[in-house]
C-alpha atoms as a PDB file:
ATOM      1  CA  MET A   1      19.068  19.835  32.209  1.00  0.00           C
ATOM      2  CA  ARG A   2      21.737  19.199  34.826  1.00  0.00           C
ATOM      3  CA  ASN A   3      22.661  22.904  34.967  1.00  0.00           C
ATOM      4  CA  GLN A   4      19.000  23.770  35.464  1.00  0.00           C
ATOM      5  CA  GLN A   5      18.824  21.319  38.391  1.00  0.00           C
ATOM      6  CA  ARG A   6      21.912  22.881  39.954  1.00  0.00           C
ATOM      7  CA  LYS A   7      20.301  26.299  39.715  1.00  0.00           C
ATOM      8  CA  LEU A   8      16.891  25.099  40.894  1.00  0.00           C
ATOM      9  CA  PHE A   9      17.792  22.999  43.906  1.00  0.00           C
ATOM     10  CA  PRO A  10      19.711  25.672  45.864  1.00  0.00           C
ATOM     11  CA  LYS A  11      16.720  28.003  45.546  1.00  0.00           C
ATOM     12  CA  LEU A  12      14.356  25.285  46.765  1.00  0.00           C
ATOM     13  CA  LYS A  13      16.670  24.351  49.628  1.00  0.00           C
ATOM     14  CA  LYS A  14      16.879  27.992  50.744  1.00  0.00           C
ATOM     15  CA  LYS A  15      13.107  28.198  50.920  1.00  0.00           C
ATOM     16  CA  GLY A  16      12.962  24.899  52.810  1.00  0.00           C
ATOM     17  CA  TRP A  17      11.008  23.178  50.088  1.00  0.00           C
ATOM     18  CA  TYR A  18      13.568  20.587  49.121  1.00  0.00           C
ATOM     19  CA  GLY A  19      15.737  18.576  51.461  1.00  0.00           C
ATOM     20  CA  GLY A  20      16.591  15.757  49.081  1.00  0.00           C
ATOM     21  CA  LEU A  21      14.487  13.227  47.260  1.00  0.00           C
ATOM     22  CA  LYS A  22      11.622  12.042  49.433  1.00  0.00           C
ATOM     23  CA  VAL A  23       9.687   8.913  48.552  1.00  0.00           C
ATOM     24  CA  ARG A  24       6.921   7.308  50.540  1.00  0.00           C
ATOM     25  CA  ILE A  25       5.512   3.852  49.973  1.00  0.00           C
ATOM     26  CA  GLN A  26       2.554   2.808  52.039  1.00  0.00           C
ATOM     27  CA  LEU A  27       0.513  -0.369  52.078  1.00  0.00           C
ATOM     28  CA  ILE A  28      -3.168   0.220  52.633  1.00  0.00           C
ATOM     29  CA  ARG A  29      -4.896  -2.726  54.222  1.00  0.00           C
ATOM     30  CA  GLU A  30      -8.515  -2.385  53.180  1.00  0.00           C
ATOM     31  CA  ASN A  31      -9.876  -5.257  55.252  1.00  0.00           C
ATOM     32  CA  TYR A  32      -7.643  -5.101  58.310  1.00  0.00           C
ATOM     33  CA  ASP A  33      -9.476  -7.703  60.421  1.00  0.00           C
ATOM     34  CA  ALA A  34      -9.474 -10.349  57.718  1.00  0.00           C
ATOM     35  CA  TRP A  35      -6.351 -12.325  58.575  1.00  0.00           C
ATOM     36  CA  GLY A  36      -6.070 -15.537  56.657  1.00  0.00           C
ATOM     37  CA  PRO A  37      -5.960 -19.054  58.021  1.00  0.00           C
ATOM     38  CA  ARG A  38      -2.823 -20.570  59.516  1.00  0.00           C
ATOM     39  CA  VAL A  39      -0.942 -22.804  57.095  1.00  0.00           C
ATOM     40  CA  THR A  40       0.620 -25.957  58.489  1.00  0.00           C
ATOM     41  CA  ASP A  41       1.626 -27.888  55.364  1.00  0.00           C
ATOM     42  CA  ALA A  42       1.592 -27.877  51.580  1.00  0.00           C
ATOM     43  CA  ALA A  43      -1.514 -30.053  51.306  1.00  0.00           C
ATOM     44  CA  GLU A  44      -3.533 -27.515  53.290  1.00  0.00           C
ATOM     45  CA  LEU A  45      -2.320 -24.649  51.129  1.00  0.00           C
ATOM     46  CA  VAL A  46      -3.166 -26.585  47.962  1.00  0.00           C
ATOM     47  CA  ARG A  47      -6.678 -27.219  49.324  1.00  0.00           C
ATOM     48  CA  LEU A  48      -7.066 -23.474  49.897  1.00  0.00           C
ATOM     49  CA  ILE A  49      -5.837 -22.147  46.555  1.00  0.00           C
ATOM     50  CA  GLY A  50      -5.175 -25.099  44.252  1.00  0.00           C
ATOM     51  CA  ASP A  51      -8.395 -24.868  42.275  1.00  0.00           C
ATOM     52  CA  GLU A  52      -7.744 -21.183  41.611  1.00  0.00           C
ATOM     53  CA  ILE A  53      -4.728 -21.950  39.427  1.00  0.00           C
ATOM     54  CA  ARG A  54      -4.886 -25.686  38.638  1.00  0.00           C
ATOM     55  CA  TYR A  55      -7.016 -25.301  35.513  1.00  0.00           C
ATOM     56  CA  SER A  56      -5.516 -22.067  34.206  1.00  0.00           C
ATOM     57  CA  ASP A  57      -4.457 -22.105  30.547  1.00  0.00           C
ATOM     58  CA  ARG A  58      -1.361 -20.056  31.477  1.00  0.00           C
ATOM     59  CA  GLU A  59       1.359 -20.549  34.022  1.00  0.00           C
ATOM     60  CA  LEU A  60       0.763 -18.396  37.085  1.00  0.00           C
ATOM     61  CA  LEU A  61       3.156 -17.671  39.938  1.00  0.00           C
ATOM     62  CA  LEU A  62       1.645 -16.696  43.278  1.00  0.00           C
ATOM     63  CA  SER A  63       3.388 -15.528  46.405  1.00  0.00           C
ATOM     64  CA  ILE A  64       1.680 -16.496  49.665  1.00  0.00           C
ATOM     65  CA  LEU A  65       2.739 -14.026  52.364  1.00  0.00           C
ATOM     66  CA  LEU A  66       2.972 -15.440  55.887  1.00  0.00           C
ATOM     67  CA  ASP A  67       3.364 -13.795  59.282  1.00  0.00           C
ATOM     68  CA  SER A  68       5.438 -15.202  62.154  1.00  0.00           C
ATOM     69  CA  THR A  69       2.629 -17.580  63.183  1.00  0.00           C
ATOM     70  CA  TRP A  70       2.241 -18.829  59.581  1.00  0.00           C
ATOM     71  CA  LYS A  71      -1.072 -17.065  59.047  1.00  0.00           C
ATOM     72  CA  ILE A  72      -1.701 -15.864  55.527  1.00  0.00           C
ATOM     73  CA  LEU A  73      -1.231 -12.096  55.258  1.00  0.00           C
ATOM     74  CA  GLY A  74      -1.992 -12.019  51.572  1.00  0.00           C
ATOM     75  CA  ILE A  75      -1.737 -13.705  48.208  1.00  0.00           C
ATOM     76  CA  GLU A  76      -0.186 -11.881  45.275  1.00  0.00           C
ATOM     77  CA  GLU A  77      -0.045 -12.851  41.629  1.00  0.00           C
ATOM     78  CA  ILE A  78       3.595 -12.266  40.748  1.00  0.00           C
ATOM     79  CA  SER A  79       3.631 -13.344  37.134  1.00  0.00           C
ATOM     80  CA  LYS A  80       1.338 -14.613  34.413  1.00  0.00           C
ATOM     81  CA  GLY A  81       3.184 -16.401  31.670  1.00  0.00           C
ATOM     82  CA  SER A  82       2.458 -18.293  28.518  1.00  0.00           C
ATOM     83  CA  GLY A  83       1.158 -21.836  28.420  1.00  0.00           C
ATOM     84  CA  ARG A  84       4.630 -23.227  29.054  1.00  0.00           C
ATOM     85  CA  SER A  85       6.727 -20.669  30.913  1.00  0.00           C
ATOM     86  CA  LEU A  86       6.779 -17.512  32.983  1.00  0.00           C
ATOM     87  CA  ILE A  87       9.290 -14.904  34.061  1.00  0.00           C
ATOM     88  CA  ALA A  88       9.779 -13.947  37.693  1.00  0.00           C
ATOM     89  CA  SER A  89      12.424 -12.036  39.603  1.00  0.00           C
ATOM     90  CA  PRO A  90      13.159 -12.032  43.331  1.00  0.00           C
ATOM     91  CA  ARG A  91      12.547  -8.269  43.316  1.00  0.00           C
ATOM     92  CA  GLU A  92       8.918  -8.756  42.283  1.00  0.00           C
ATOM     93  CA  ILE A  93       8.451 -11.663  44.676  1.00  0.00           C
ATOM     94  CA  PHE A  94       9.693  -9.769  47.731  1.00  0.00           C
ATOM     95  CA  LYS A  95       8.116  -6.370  47.003  1.00  0.00           C
ATOM     96  CA  SER A  96       4.800  -7.143  48.705  1.00  0.00           C
ATOM     97  CA  ALA A  97       6.531  -9.299  51.343  1.00  0.00           C
ATOM     98  CA  LEU A  98       8.520  -6.254  52.438  1.00  0.00           C
ATOM     99  CA  LEU A  99       5.459  -4.004  52.443  1.00  0.00           C
ATOM    100  CA  THR A 100       3.419  -6.420  54.573  1.00  0.00           C
ATOM    101  CA  ASN A 101       6.285  -7.257  56.971  1.00  0.00           C
ATOM    102  CA  ALA A 102       5.948 -10.918  56.026  1.00  0.00           C
ATOM    103  CA  GLU A 103       8.203 -13.369  57.827  1.00  0.00           C
ATOM    104  CA  ALA A 104       8.097 -15.895  54.989  1.00  0.00           C
ATOM    105  CA  VAL A 105       6.726 -16.530  51.532  1.00  0.00           C
ATOM    106  CA  VAL A 106       5.515 -19.664  49.817  1.00  0.00           C
ATOM    107  CA  LEU A 107       5.854 -19.730  46.059  1.00  0.00           C
ATOM    108  CA  VAL A 108       3.038 -21.504  44.235  1.00  0.00           C
ATOM    109  CA  HIS A 109       2.801 -22.009  40.507  1.00  0.00           C
ATOM    110  CA  ASN A 110       1.034 -24.294  38.106  1.00  0.00           C
ATOM    111  CA  HIS A 111       2.125 -26.473  35.230  1.00  0.00           C
ATOM    112  CA  THR A 112      -0.535 -26.231  32.541  1.00  0.00           C
ATOM    113  CA  ALA A 113       0.228 -29.710  31.163  1.00  0.00           C
ATOM    114  CA  GLY A 114      -0.829 -31.202  34.511  1.00  0.00           C
ATOM    115  CA  ASP A 115       2.543 -32.731  35.443  1.00  0.00           C
ATOM    116  CA  SER A 116       3.667 -31.300  38.768  1.00  0.00           C
ATOM    117  CA  THR A 117       7.251 -32.579  38.458  1.00  0.00           C
ATOM    118  CA  PRO A 118       9.617 -29.642  39.078  1.00  0.00           C
ATOM    119  CA  SER A 119      11.751 -28.607  36.122  1.00  0.00           C
ATOM    120  CA  PRO A 120      15.409 -27.588  36.497  1.00  0.00           C
ATOM    121  CA  ALA A 121      14.241 -23.975  35.983  1.00  0.00           C
ATOM    122  CA  ASP A 122      11.777 -24.364  38.900  1.00  0.00           C
ATOM    123  CA  ILE A 123      14.584 -25.521  41.176  1.00  0.00           C
ATOM    124  CA  ARG A 124      16.918 -22.729  40.000  1.00  0.00           C
ATOM    125  CA  ILE A 125      14.358 -19.983  40.664  1.00  0.00           C
ATOM    126  CA  SER A 126      13.667 -21.479  44.100  1.00  0.00           C
ATOM    127  CA  GLU A 127      17.368 -21.372  44.960  1.00  0.00           C
ATOM    128  CA  ARG A 128      17.734 -17.829  43.641  1.00  0.00           C
ATOM    129  CA  VAL A 129      14.703 -16.568  45.563  1.00  0.00           C
ATOM    130  CA  ALA A 130      15.843 -18.329  48.755  1.00  0.00           C
ATOM    131  CA  LYS A 131      19.255 -16.622  48.524  1.00  0.00           C
ATOM    132  CA  ALA A 132      17.624 -13.228  48.059  1.00  0.00           C
ATOM    133  CA  GLY A 133      15.229 -13.921  50.923  1.00  0.00           C
ATOM    134  CA  LYS A 134      18.109 -14.815  53.228  1.00  0.00           C
ATOM    135  CA  ILE A 135      19.700 -11.433  52.530  1.00  0.00           C
ATOM    136  CA  LEU A 136      16.391  -9.652  53.170  1.00  0.00           C
ATOM    137  CA  GLY A 137      15.547 -11.686  56.272  1.00  0.00           C
ATOM    138  CA  ILE A 138      12.438 -13.196  54.702  1.00  0.00           C
ATOM    139  CA  GLY A 139      12.286 -16.981  54.551  1.00  0.00           C
ATOM    140  CA  VAL A 140      11.102 -19.029  51.619  1.00  0.00           C
ATOM    141  CA  ALA A 141       9.015 -21.689  53.337  1.00  0.00           C
ATOM    142  CA  ASP A 142       8.197 -23.764  50.257  1.00  0.00           C
ATOM    143  CA  HIS A 143       7.754 -23.802  46.502  1.00  0.00           C
ATOM    144  CA  ILE A 144       4.678 -25.759  45.468  1.00  0.00           C
ATOM    145  CA  ILE A 145       3.987 -26.808  41.901  1.00  0.00           C
ATOM    146  CA  ILE A 146       0.385 -27.620  41.074  1.00  0.00           C
ATOM    147  CA  GLY A 147      -0.738 -29.809  38.190  1.00  0.00           C
ATOM    148  CA  LYS A 148      -3.207 -32.685  38.409  1.00  0.00           C
ATOM    149  CA  SER A 149      -1.582 -33.278  41.787  1.00  0.00           C
ATOM    150  CA  TYR A 150       1.058 -31.168  43.524  1.00  0.00           C
ATOM    151  CA  THR A 151       4.744 -31.308  44.409  1.00  0.00           C
ATOM    152  CA  SER A 152       6.255 -29.502  47.370  1.00  0.00           C
ATOM    153  CA  LEU A 153       9.966 -28.830  46.953  1.00  0.00           C
ATOM    154  CA  PHE A 154      10.215 -28.615  50.749  1.00  0.00           C
ATOM    155  CA  GLU A 155       8.628 -32.051  51.255  1.00  0.00           C
ATOM    156  CA  LYS A 156      10.756 -33.581  48.464  1.00  0.00           C
ATOM    157  CA  LYS A 157      13.868 -31.813  49.836  1.00  0.00           C
ATOM    158  CA  LEU A 158      14.743 -30.300  46.453  1.00  0.00           C
ATOM    159  CA  GLY A 159      16.583 -27.099  45.590  1.00  0.00           C
ATOM    160  CA  PRO A 160      17.125 -24.781  48.544  1.00  0.00           C
ATOM    161  CA  PHE A 161      15.374 -27.264  50.849  1.00  0.00           C
ATOM    162  CA  LYS A 162      18.053 -29.924  50.364  1.00  0.00           C
ATOM    163  CA  PRO A 163      19.622 -30.918  53.676  1.00  0.00           C
ATOM    164  CA  LYS A 164      23.150 -29.617  54.112  1.00  0.00           C
ATOM    165  CA  ARG A 165      25.813 -32.320  54.308  1.00  0.00           C
ATOM    166  CA  LYS A 166      28.700 -31.887  56.721  1.00  0.00           C
ATOM    167  CA  ARG A 167      32.188 -33.373  56.700  1.00  0.00           C
ATOM    168  CA  LYS A 168      33.962 -34.522  59.811  1.00  0.00           C
ATOM    169  CA  GLY A 169      35.649 -31.124  60.066  1.00  0.00           C
ATOM    170  CA  GLY A 170      32.249 -29.427  60.060  1.00  0.00           C
ATOM    171  CA  LYS A 171      32.606 -27.854  56.607  1.00  0.00           C
ATOM    172  CA  ASP A 172      29.566 -27.726  54.356  1.00  0.00           C
ATOM    173  CA  VAL A 173      30.184 -30.016  51.375  1.00  0.00           C
ATOM    174  CA  SER A 174      26.802 -29.633  49.714  1.00  0.00           C
ATOM    175  CA  LYS A 175      28.241 -27.031  47.294  1.00  0.00           C
ATOM    176  CA  ILE A 176      31.096 -29.290  46.146  1.00  0.00           C
ATOM    177  CA  ARG A 177      30.260 -30.881  42.825  1.00  0.00           C
ATOM    178  CA  SER A 178      31.213 -34.485  42.156  1.00  0.00           C
END
């Protein structure tokens, strides 16, 4: 196969048909004028979409895509799991954020049992996604867990939203374990 490619590509290049692998990804906005409302806090976001996932029999993870003025650009279902868990990767979370030029994302998922207390896995995925977002230049504004009520990791200052502690010398000590 490789020998065939070596023989094929020079012929295509000579004819001007092949100049290397070309890939094009394009987002098509079908309803261009329909910008979403501006989000100011977790409670408002839960009022907007909470009922959509609160009573689901499976865990769902949504990504709320925000522009620089915190208007909703879109809502994407990232993962649909079982009744007790779901699998999500930063790659899937940021795919649509990159295509829409989102400034930030808010992660929203439900706990089917109704308890909105964040699990250690919820905090770990938030930290992992926030690190990836920092590299990509896309902020993670919050991670909201919806059950009978809701919990905002940003409001509770959990995971990546924990305030950084400084020593007298100005070094960050939040990563030092006791």
